[in-house]
Amino acid sequence: MSSTVTLPDPASVGGDGAQFHWRALEGLYASAPVNQLFESHLEVLGEGHARIVFDVTPQVFHAAGAAHGTIYFKMLDDAAFYAANTLVTDRFLLTTSFNLHFTRPIHGGKVIAEGRWLSGRRRVLVAEARLLDEEGEEVGRGTGTFQRSRIALSSLPGYAVGVPG
């Protein structure tokens, strides 16, 4: 369900390793098996800033007809994670904690998750994300901490091998 991303040749991005890393992260997101379950698309907008557009459908509703809390977590965690991982070019990050705040129910439609890096660059990074519904109203917010793993980004399917670091 998730779209695939064609990665540019590093030479075609003018030697800009950051741009190549960001496109590779988009490819990583698109290749993750869990993202085949959701209509969603990641766009890395710049250092420390990522946006994911999700289509929230009745398949993710709880019994009362709104999106289940696990969907809020998925969207917020992904946006914050990718915002943080824009600053780390060699290693995959792992979520070590995440705080959620639900402000409104989501009854379907397009939802935008906007992630922004807040602090940290070495071992632990902190990022936040917010969810906006189709009317532009905030429906949720979260803050997470992310730690460098031992997993090389270049070893992961979907991430381009040889990204300058």
N, C-alpha and C. Protein backbone atom coordinates (compact mmCIF):
# COMPACT_ATOMS: atom_id res chain seq x y z
N MET A 1 0.81 -1.19 0.00
CA MET A 1 0.00 0.00 0.00
C MET A 1 0.85 1.26 0.00
N SER A 2 1.97 1.24 0.69
CA SER A 2 2.86 2.38 0.74
C SER A 2 3.61 2.48 -0.58
N SER A 3 3.85 3.71 -1.01
CA SER A 3 4.55 3.89 -2.27
C SER A 3 6.04 3.63 -2.09
N THR A 4 6.69 3.30 -3.19
CA THR A 4 8.13 3.10 -3.14
C THR A 4 8.81 4.39 -3.57
N VAL A 5 10.05 4.52 -3.18
CA VAL A 5 10.83 5.70 -3.49
C VAL A 5 12.01 5.28 -4.34
N THR A 6 12.23 5.98 -5.44
CA THR A 6 13.41 5.74 -6.26
C THR A 6 14.50 6.67 -5.78
N LEU A 7 15.60 6.11 -5.35
CA LEU A 7 16.69 6.91 -4.82
C LEU A 7 17.53 7.50 -5.94
N PRO A 8 17.94 8.75 -5.81
CA PRO A 8 18.78 9.35 -6.82
C PRO A 8 20.21 8.84 -6.72
N ASP A 9 20.91 8.95 -7.82
CA ASP A 9 22.34 8.68 -7.83
C ASP A 9 23.00 9.78 -7.01
N PRO A 10 23.94 9.44 -6.08
CA PRO A 10 24.57 10.48 -5.26
C PRO A 10 25.17 11.61 -6.09
N ALA A 11 25.67 11.30 -7.29
CA ALA A 11 26.26 12.34 -8.13
C ALA A 11 25.21 13.33 -8.62
N SER A 12 23.94 12.88 -8.75
CA SER A 12 22.90 13.74 -9.30
C SER A 12 22.36 14.73 -8.27
N VAL A 13 22.71 14.59 -7.01
CA VAL A 13 22.25 15.55 -6.00
C VAL A 13 23.34 16.56 -5.66
N GLY A 14 24.27 16.70 -6.58
CA GLY A 14 25.28 17.73 -6.42
C GLY A 14 26.22 17.49 -5.26
N GLY A 15 26.43 16.24 -4.90
CA GLY A 15 27.34 15.95 -3.80
C GLY A 15 26.73 16.25 -2.44
N ASP A 16 25.47 16.57 -2.39
CA ASP A 16 24.80 16.89 -1.13
C ASP A 16 24.44 15.60 -0.41
N GLY A 17 25.31 15.17 0.50
CA GLY A 17 25.09 13.93 1.24
C GLY A 17 23.83 13.98 2.08
N ALA A 18 23.47 15.15 2.60
CA ALA A 18 22.27 15.26 3.42
C ALA A 18 21.03 14.94 2.59
N GLN A 19 20.93 15.52 1.41
CA GLN A 19 19.78 15.25 0.54
C GLN A 19 19.69 13.77 0.19
N PHE A 20 20.82 13.17 -0.11
CA PHE A 20 20.82 11.75 -0.43
C PHE A 20 20.39 10.91 0.77
N HIS A 21 20.87 11.26 1.96
CA HIS A 21 20.48 10.57 3.18
C HIS A 21 18.97 10.69 3.41
N TRP A 22 18.42 11.87 3.19
CA TRP A 22 16.98 12.08 3.40
C TRP A 22 16.16 11.25 2.43
N ARG A 23 16.57 11.19 1.16
CA ARG A 23 15.84 10.36 0.19
C ARG A 23 15.97 8.87 0.54
N ALA A 24 17.14 8.50 1.07
CA ALA A 24 17.34 7.10 1.49
C ALA A 24 16.44 6.76 2.68
N LEU A 25 16.25 7.72 3.61
CA LEU A 25 15.33 7.49 4.72
C LEU A 25 13.90 7.31 4.21
N GLU A 26 13.52 8.07 3.21
CA GLU A 26 12.19 7.91 2.60
C GLU A 26 12.04 6.50 2.01
N GLY A 27 13.12 6.01 1.38
CA GLY A 27 13.10 4.66 0.86
C GLY A 27 13.00 3.62 1.96
N LEU A 28 13.68 3.87 3.06
CA LEU A 28 13.63 2.96 4.21
C LEU A 28 12.21 2.88 4.75
N TYR A 29 11.56 4.02 4.89
CA TYR A 29 10.17 4.04 5.37
C TYR A 29 9.27 3.24 4.43
N ALA A 30 9.39 3.50 3.14
CA ALA A 30 8.53 2.82 2.16
C ALA A 30 8.76 1.31 2.14
N SER A 31 9.96 0.87 2.48
CA SER A 31 10.29 -0.56 2.42
C SER A 31 9.90 -1.35 3.67
N ALA A 32 9.58 -0.65 4.77
CA ALA A 32 9.26 -1.35 6.02
C ALA A 32 7.96 -2.14 5.86
N PRO A 33 7.98 -3.44 6.17
CA PRO A 33 6.77 -4.26 6.01
C PRO A 33 5.55 -3.69 6.72
N VAL A 34 5.70 -3.11 7.90
CA VAL A 34 4.55 -2.58 8.63
C VAL A 34 3.86 -1.47 7.84
N ASN A 35 4.62 -0.73 7.06
CA ASN A 35 4.03 0.38 6.31
C ASN A 35 3.23 -0.09 5.10
N GLN A 36 3.29 -1.37 4.79
CA GLN A 36 2.44 -1.92 3.73
C GLN A 36 0.99 -2.03 4.23
N LEU A 37 0.79 -1.92 5.53
CA LEU A 37 -0.55 -2.01 6.13
C LEU A 37 -1.28 -0.66 6.11
N PHE A 38 -0.59 0.42 5.79
CA PHE A 38 -1.16 1.76 5.87
C PHE A 38 -0.94 2.51 4.57
N GLU A 39 -1.92 3.32 4.20
CA GLU A 39 -1.74 4.27 3.12
C GLU A 39 -1.01 5.46 3.73
N SER A 40 0.29 5.57 3.46
CA SER A 40 1.06 6.66 4.06
C SER A 40 2.27 6.96 3.20
N HIS A 41 2.80 8.16 3.38
CA HIS A 41 3.94 8.61 2.60
C HIS A 41 4.80 9.53 3.47
N LEU A 42 6.10 9.23 3.54
CA LEU A 42 7.06 10.06 4.28
C LEU A 42 7.71 11.05 3.35
N GLU A 43 7.86 12.28 3.84
CA GLU A 43 8.65 13.29 3.14
C GLU A 43 9.59 13.93 4.16
N VAL A 44 10.88 13.81 3.93
CA VAL A 44 11.86 14.50 4.78
C VAL A 44 12.00 15.90 4.21
N LEU A 45 11.69 16.90 5.02
CA LEU A 45 11.64 18.28 4.56
C LEU A 45 12.95 19.04 4.77
N GLY A 46 13.81 18.50 5.63
CA GLY A 46 15.07 19.15 5.92
C GLY A 46 15.65 18.55 7.18
N GLU A 47 16.79 19.06 7.59
CA GLU A 47 17.42 18.55 8.79
C GLU A 47 16.48 18.72 9.98
N GLY A 48 16.17 17.61 10.65
CA GLY A 48 15.34 17.64 11.83
C GLY A 48 13.86 17.83 11.58
N HIS A 49 13.39 17.62 10.35
CA HIS A 49 11.98 17.86 10.03
C HIS A 49 11.47 16.82 9.04
N ALA A 50 10.44 16.09 9.47
CA ALA A 50 9.82 15.07 8.62
C ALA A 50 8.30 15.20 8.69
N ARG A 51 7.66 14.82 7.60
CA ARG A 51 6.19 14.85 7.54
C ARG A 51 5.72 13.53 6.93
N ILE A 52 4.68 12.97 7.55
CA ILE A 52 4.07 11.76 7.01
C ILE A 52 2.58 12.04 6.85
N VAL A 53 2.06 11.72 5.66
CA VAL A 53 0.63 11.84 5.40
C VAL A 53 0.04 10.45 5.46
N PHE A 54 -0.98 10.27 6.28
CA PHE A 54 -1.65 8.99 6.48
C PHE A 54 -3.10 9.11 6.04
N ASP A 55 -3.63 8.03 5.46
CA ASP A 55 -5.06 7.90 5.25
C ASP A 55 -5.58 7.01 6.38
N VAL A 56 -6.38 7.59 7.26
CA VAL A 56 -6.95 6.84 8.38
C VAL A 56 -8.30 6.28 7.92
N THR A 57 -8.40 4.97 7.89
CA THR A 57 -9.57 4.27 7.38
C THR A 57 -10.26 3.49 8.49
N PRO A 58 -11.49 3.06 8.28
CA PRO A 58 -12.22 2.30 9.31
C PRO A 58 -11.52 1.03 9.77
N GLN A 59 -10.58 0.48 9.03
CA GLN A 59 -9.86 -0.72 9.45
C GLN A 59 -9.06 -0.50 10.73
N VAL A 60 -8.78 0.77 11.08
CA VAL A 60 -7.99 1.04 12.29
C VAL A 60 -8.84 1.65 13.41
N PHE A 61 -10.17 1.56 13.28
CA PHE A 61 -11.07 2.12 14.29
C PHE A 61 -11.26 1.16 15.45
N HIS A 62 -11.48 1.72 16.63
CA HIS A 62 -11.92 0.92 17.77
C HIS A 62 -13.44 0.79 17.69
N ALA A 63 -14.05 0.13 18.67
CA ALA A 63 -15.48 -0.18 18.63
C ALA A 63 -16.38 1.06 18.61
N ALA A 64 -15.87 2.21 19.05
CA ALA A 64 -16.69 3.42 19.09
C ALA A 64 -16.53 4.28 17.83
N GLY A 65 -15.85 3.77 16.79
CA GLY A 65 -15.82 4.45 15.50
C GLY A 65 -14.79 5.53 15.30
N ALA A 66 -13.68 5.47 16.00
CA ALA A 66 -12.58 6.42 15.79
C ALA A 66 -11.26 5.64 15.80
N ALA A 67 -10.20 6.30 15.36
CA ALA A 67 -8.89 5.64 15.28
C ALA A 67 -8.45 5.15 16.65
N HIS A 68 -7.96 3.93 16.71
CA HIS A 68 -7.42 3.35 17.94
C HIS A 68 -6.12 4.07 18.31
N GLY A 69 -5.82 4.13 19.58
CA GLY A 69 -4.62 4.80 20.08
C GLY A 69 -3.32 4.29 19.49
N THR A 70 -3.30 3.02 19.08
CA THR A 70 -2.07 2.50 18.47
C THR A 70 -1.74 3.25 17.19
N ILE A 71 -2.75 3.74 16.50
CA ILE A 71 -2.52 4.48 15.26
C ILE A 71 -1.92 5.85 15.57
N TYR A 72 -2.39 6.49 16.63
CA TYR A 72 -1.79 7.76 17.04
C TYR A 72 -0.30 7.53 17.32
N PHE A 73 0.01 6.48 18.09
CA PHE A 73 1.40 6.20 18.41
C PHE A 73 2.21 5.96 17.14
N LYS A 74 1.70 5.14 16.25
CA LYS A 74 2.43 4.84 15.00
C LYS A 74 2.78 6.12 14.25
N MET A 75 1.78 6.97 14.07
CA MET A 75 2.00 8.19 13.30
C MET A 75 2.97 9.14 14.00
N LEU A 76 2.78 9.34 15.29
CA LEU A 76 3.65 10.26 16.03
C LEU A 76 5.07 9.74 16.15
N ASP A 77 5.21 8.46 16.47
CA ASP A 77 6.54 7.86 16.61
C ASP A 77 7.29 7.92 15.29
N ASP A 78 6.64 7.56 14.20
CA ASP A 78 7.31 7.58 12.89
C ASP A 78 7.79 8.97 12.53
N ALA A 79 6.94 9.98 12.70
CA ALA A 79 7.32 11.34 12.31
C ALA A 79 8.48 11.85 13.18
N ALA A 80 8.42 11.62 14.48
CA ALA A 80 9.51 12.06 15.37
C ALA A 80 10.79 11.28 15.08
N PHE A 81 10.66 9.96 14.90
CA PHE A 81 11.81 9.11 14.61
C PHE A 81 12.54 9.60 13.36
N TYR A 82 11.81 9.79 12.26
CA TYR A 82 12.47 10.20 11.01
C TYR A 82 13.03 11.61 11.10
N ALA A 83 12.39 12.50 11.86
CA ALA A 83 12.96 13.83 12.07
C ALA A 83 14.32 13.70 12.77
N ALA A 84 14.39 12.84 13.79
CA ALA A 84 15.65 12.64 14.51
C ALA A 84 16.68 11.94 13.64
N ASN A 85 16.25 10.94 12.87
CA ASN A 85 17.22 10.16 12.09
C ASN A 85 17.80 10.95 10.92
N THR A 86 17.23 12.14 10.61
CA THR A 86 17.86 12.99 9.59
C THR A 86 19.23 13.46 10.04
N LEU A 87 19.45 13.49 11.35
CA LEU A 87 20.72 13.97 11.90
C LEU A 87 21.74 12.86 12.10
N VAL A 88 21.33 11.62 11.91
CA VAL A 88 22.21 10.47 12.11
C VAL A 88 22.32 9.73 10.78
N THR A 89 23.49 9.77 10.17
CA THR A 89 23.64 9.21 8.83
C THR A 89 24.20 7.80 8.80
N ASP A 90 24.66 7.31 9.94
CA ASP A 90 25.31 5.99 9.92
C ASP A 90 24.52 4.89 10.62
N ARG A 91 23.67 5.22 11.57
CA ARG A 91 23.00 4.22 12.40
C ARG A 91 21.49 4.41 12.42
N PHE A 92 20.81 3.28 12.57
CA PHE A 92 19.37 3.26 12.77
C PHE A 92 19.09 3.65 14.21
N LEU A 93 18.10 4.49 14.43
CA LEU A 93 17.72 4.87 15.78
C LEU A 93 16.66 3.92 16.32
N LEU A 94 16.60 3.80 17.62
CA LEU A 94 15.57 3.01 18.30
C LEU A 94 14.81 3.92 19.25
N THR A 95 13.49 3.77 19.29
CA THR A 95 12.68 4.53 20.24
C THR A 95 12.89 3.94 21.62
N THR A 96 13.30 4.77 22.58
CA THR A 96 13.49 4.29 23.95
C THR A 96 12.36 4.72 24.87
N SER A 97 11.68 5.81 24.55
CA SER A 97 10.49 6.21 25.29
C SER A 97 9.67 7.15 24.42
N PHE A 98 8.37 7.20 24.71
CA PHE A 98 7.50 8.09 23.94
C PHE A 98 6.30 8.45 24.80
N ASN A 99 6.02 9.74 24.90
CA ASN A 99 4.85 10.24 25.64
C ASN A 99 3.82 10.75 24.65
N LEU A 100 2.56 10.32 24.84
CA LEU A 100 1.48 10.69 23.94
C LEU A 100 0.46 11.57 24.63
N HIS A 101 -0.13 12.47 23.87
CA HIS A 101 -1.24 13.29 24.35
C HIS A 101 -2.31 13.26 23.27
N PHE A 102 -3.45 12.70 23.58
CA PHE A 102 -4.58 12.63 22.66
C PHE A 102 -5.47 13.84 22.92
N THR A 103 -5.78 14.62 21.89
CA THR A 103 -6.61 15.80 22.11
C THR A 103 -7.98 15.70 21.45
N ARG A 104 -8.08 14.93 20.38
CA ARG A 104 -9.36 14.79 19.68
C ARG A 104 -9.40 13.42 19.01
N PRO A 105 -10.60 12.86 18.83
CA PRO A 105 -10.71 11.60 18.10
C PRO A 105 -10.51 11.84 16.60
N ILE A 106 -9.99 10.83 15.93
CA ILE A 106 -9.83 10.86 14.48
C ILE A 106 -10.89 9.93 13.91
N HIS A 107 -11.78 10.48 13.10
CA HIS A 107 -12.87 9.69 12.52
C HIS A 107 -12.62 9.33 11.07
N GLY A 108 -11.39 9.44 10.64
CA GLY A 108 -11.03 9.06 9.28
C GLY A 108 -10.51 10.23 8.48
N GLY A 109 -9.99 9.92 7.30
CA GLY A 109 -9.48 10.93 6.40
C GLY A 109 -7.97 11.06 6.47
N LYS A 110 -7.47 12.09 5.81
CA LYS A 110 -6.03 12.34 5.78
C LYS A 110 -5.60 12.99 7.09
N VAL A 111 -4.51 12.46 7.64
CA VAL A 111 -3.92 13.02 8.85
C VAL A 111 -2.44 13.27 8.54
N ILE A 112 -1.95 14.42 8.95
CA ILE A 112 -0.54 14.76 8.75
C ILE A 112 0.17 14.65 10.09
N ALA A 113 1.26 13.90 10.10
CA ALA A 113 2.13 13.81 11.28
C ALA A 113 3.38 14.63 10.96
N GLU A 114 3.62 15.66 11.73
CA GLU A 114 4.79 16.51 11.54
C GLU A 114 5.77 16.28 12.67
N GLY A 115 6.98 15.85 12.33
CA GLY A 115 8.00 15.60 13.33
C GLY A 115 9.11 16.63 13.27
N ARG A 116 9.61 16.99 14.46
CA ARG A 116 10.72 17.95 14.56
C ARG A 116 11.70 17.48 15.63
N TRP A 117 12.97 17.52 15.27
CA TRP A 117 14.05 17.23 16.21
C TRP A 117 14.12 18.38 17.20
N LEU A 118 14.34 18.05 18.48
CA LEU A 118 14.45 19.07 19.53
C LEU A 118 15.86 19.22 20.07
N SER A 119 16.50 18.08 20.41
CA SER A 119 17.83 18.19 21.02
C SER A 119 18.58 16.87 20.93
N GLY A 120 19.88 16.95 21.17
CA GLY A 120 20.75 15.78 21.16
C GLY A 120 21.24 15.46 19.76
N ARG A 121 22.48 15.06 19.66
CA ARG A 121 23.04 14.68 18.37
C ARG A 121 23.96 13.47 18.47
N ARG A 122 24.35 13.12 19.64
CA ARG A 122 25.34 12.05 19.78
C ARG A 122 24.66 10.71 19.99
N ARG A 123 24.44 10.33 21.20
CA ARG A 123 23.89 9.00 21.51
C ARG A 123 22.38 9.00 21.60
N VAL A 124 21.79 10.01 22.24
CA VAL A 124 20.35 10.08 22.43
C VAL A 124 19.83 11.38 21.82
N LEU A 125 18.75 11.26 21.08
CA LEU A 125 18.11 12.41 20.45
C LEU A 125 16.68 12.51 20.95
N VAL A 126 16.16 13.74 21.00
CA VAL A 126 14.78 13.99 21.42
C VAL A 126 14.07 14.68 20.26
N ALA A 127 12.86 14.20 19.96
CA ALA A 127 12.07 14.80 18.90
C ALA A 127 10.60 14.79 19.31
N GLU A 128 9.84 15.69 18.72
CA GLU A 128 8.41 15.76 18.98
C GLU A 128 7.65 15.64 17.67
N ALA A 129 6.38 15.33 17.79
CA ALA A 129 5.53 15.28 16.61
C ALA A 129 4.13 15.71 17.00
N ARG A 130 3.40 16.18 16.01
CA ARG A 130 2.00 16.51 16.22
C ARG A 130 1.19 15.98 15.05
N LEU A 131 -0.07 15.69 15.32
CA LEU A 131 -0.99 15.19 14.31
C LEU A 131 -2.01 16.27 13.98
N LEU A 132 -2.23 16.48 12.69
CA LEU A 132 -3.22 17.45 12.23
C LEU A 132 -4.24 16.73 11.38
N ASP A 133 -5.52 16.97 11.65
CA ASP A 133 -6.57 16.35 10.84
C ASP A 133 -6.78 17.13 9.55
N GLU A 134 -7.78 16.72 8.77
CA GLU A 134 -8.01 17.36 7.47
C GLU A 134 -8.36 18.84 7.58
N GLU A 135 -8.90 19.24 8.72
CA GLU A 135 -9.23 20.65 8.92
C GLU A 135 -8.06 21.46 9.47
N GLY A 136 -6.93 20.80 9.69
CA GLY A 136 -5.76 21.47 10.24
C GLY A 136 -5.76 21.59 11.75
N GLU A 137 -6.70 20.91 12.40
CA GLU A 137 -6.78 20.92 13.86
C GLU A 137 -5.83 19.88 14.44
N GLU A 138 -5.15 20.24 15.52
CA GLU A 138 -4.28 19.27 16.19
C GLU A 138 -5.14 18.23 16.91
N VAL A 139 -4.83 16.96 16.66
CA VAL A 139 -5.59 15.86 17.28
C VAL A 139 -4.72 15.03 18.22
N GLY A 140 -3.43 15.27 18.22
CA GLY A 140 -2.53 14.54 19.09
C GLY A 140 -1.13 15.13 19.02
N ARG A 141 -0.34 14.79 20.05
CA ARG A 141 1.02 15.30 20.15
C ARG A 141 1.84 14.29 20.93
N GLY A 142 3.13 14.23 20.66
CA GLY A 142 3.99 13.32 21.39
C GLY A 142 5.44 13.76 21.35
N THR A 143 6.19 13.27 22.33
CA THR A 143 7.62 13.53 22.42
C THR A 143 8.32 12.21 22.69
N GLY A 144 9.39 11.96 21.94
CA GLY A 144 10.11 10.71 22.11
C GLY A 144 11.60 10.90 22.27
N THR A 145 12.23 9.88 22.85
CA THR A 145 13.69 9.82 22.89
C THR A 145 14.11 8.65 22.04
N PHE A 146 15.19 8.85 21.32
CA PHE A 146 15.68 7.89 20.35
C PHE A 146 17.18 7.69 20.57
N GLN A 147 17.60 6.45 20.55
CA GLN A 147 18.99 6.10 20.82
C GLN A 147 19.60 5.45 19.59
N ARG A 148 20.86 5.76 19.36
CA ARG A 148 21.60 5.10 18.27
C ARG A 148 21.67 3.61 18.56
N SER A 149 21.44 2.81 17.54
CA SER A 149 21.57 1.36 17.68
C SER A 149 22.91 0.94 17.10
N ARG A 150 23.14 -0.35 17.10
CA ARG A 150 24.34 -0.90 16.45
C ARG A 150 24.07 -1.24 14.99
N ILE A 151 22.86 -1.01 14.53
CA ILE A 151 22.45 -1.38 13.17
C ILE A 151 22.85 -0.28 12.20
N ALA A 152 23.68 -0.63 11.25
CA ALA A 152 24.09 0.32 10.22
C ALA A 152 22.93 0.58 9.27
N LEU A 153 22.64 1.83 9.00
CA LEU A 153 21.58 2.15 8.05
C LEU A 153 21.84 1.49 6.70
N SER A 154 23.08 1.50 6.28
CA SER A 154 23.42 0.95 4.96
C SER A 154 23.16 -0.55 4.85
N SER A 155 22.95 -1.23 5.99
CA SER A 155 22.68 -2.66 5.95
C SER A 155 21.20 -2.98 5.81
N LEU A 156 20.35 -1.97 5.85
CA LEU A 156 18.91 -2.19 5.86
C LEU A 156 18.30 -2.13 4.45
N PRO A 157 17.39 -3.07 4.16
CA PRO A 157 16.69 -3.01 2.87
C PRO A 157 15.95 -1.67 2.75
N GLY A 158 16.03 -1.08 1.59
CA GLY A 158 15.32 0.18 1.37
C GLY A 158 16.22 1.39 1.55
N TYR A 159 17.29 1.26 2.32
CA TYR A 159 18.22 2.37 2.50
C TYR A 159 19.36 2.21 1.51
N ALA A 160 19.73 3.26 0.84
CA ALA A 160 20.76 3.17 -0.19
C ALA A 160 22.13 2.90 0.40
N VAL A 161 22.84 1.96 -0.18
CA VAL A 161 24.21 1.66 0.23
C VAL A 161 25.12 2.76 -0.30
N GLY A 162 26.05 3.16 0.54
CA GLY A 162 27.05 4.14 0.11
C GLY A 162 26.63 5.58 0.32
N VAL A 163 25.65 5.84 1.18
CA VAL A 163 25.28 7.22 1.46
C VAL A 163 26.46 7.89 2.14
N PRO A 164 26.87 9.04 1.63
CA PRO A 164 27.99 9.73 2.28
C PRO A 164 27.65 10.03 3.73
N GLY A 165 28.58 9.91 4.65
CA GLY A 165 28.27 10.16 6.05
C GLY A 165 29.24 11.03 6.65
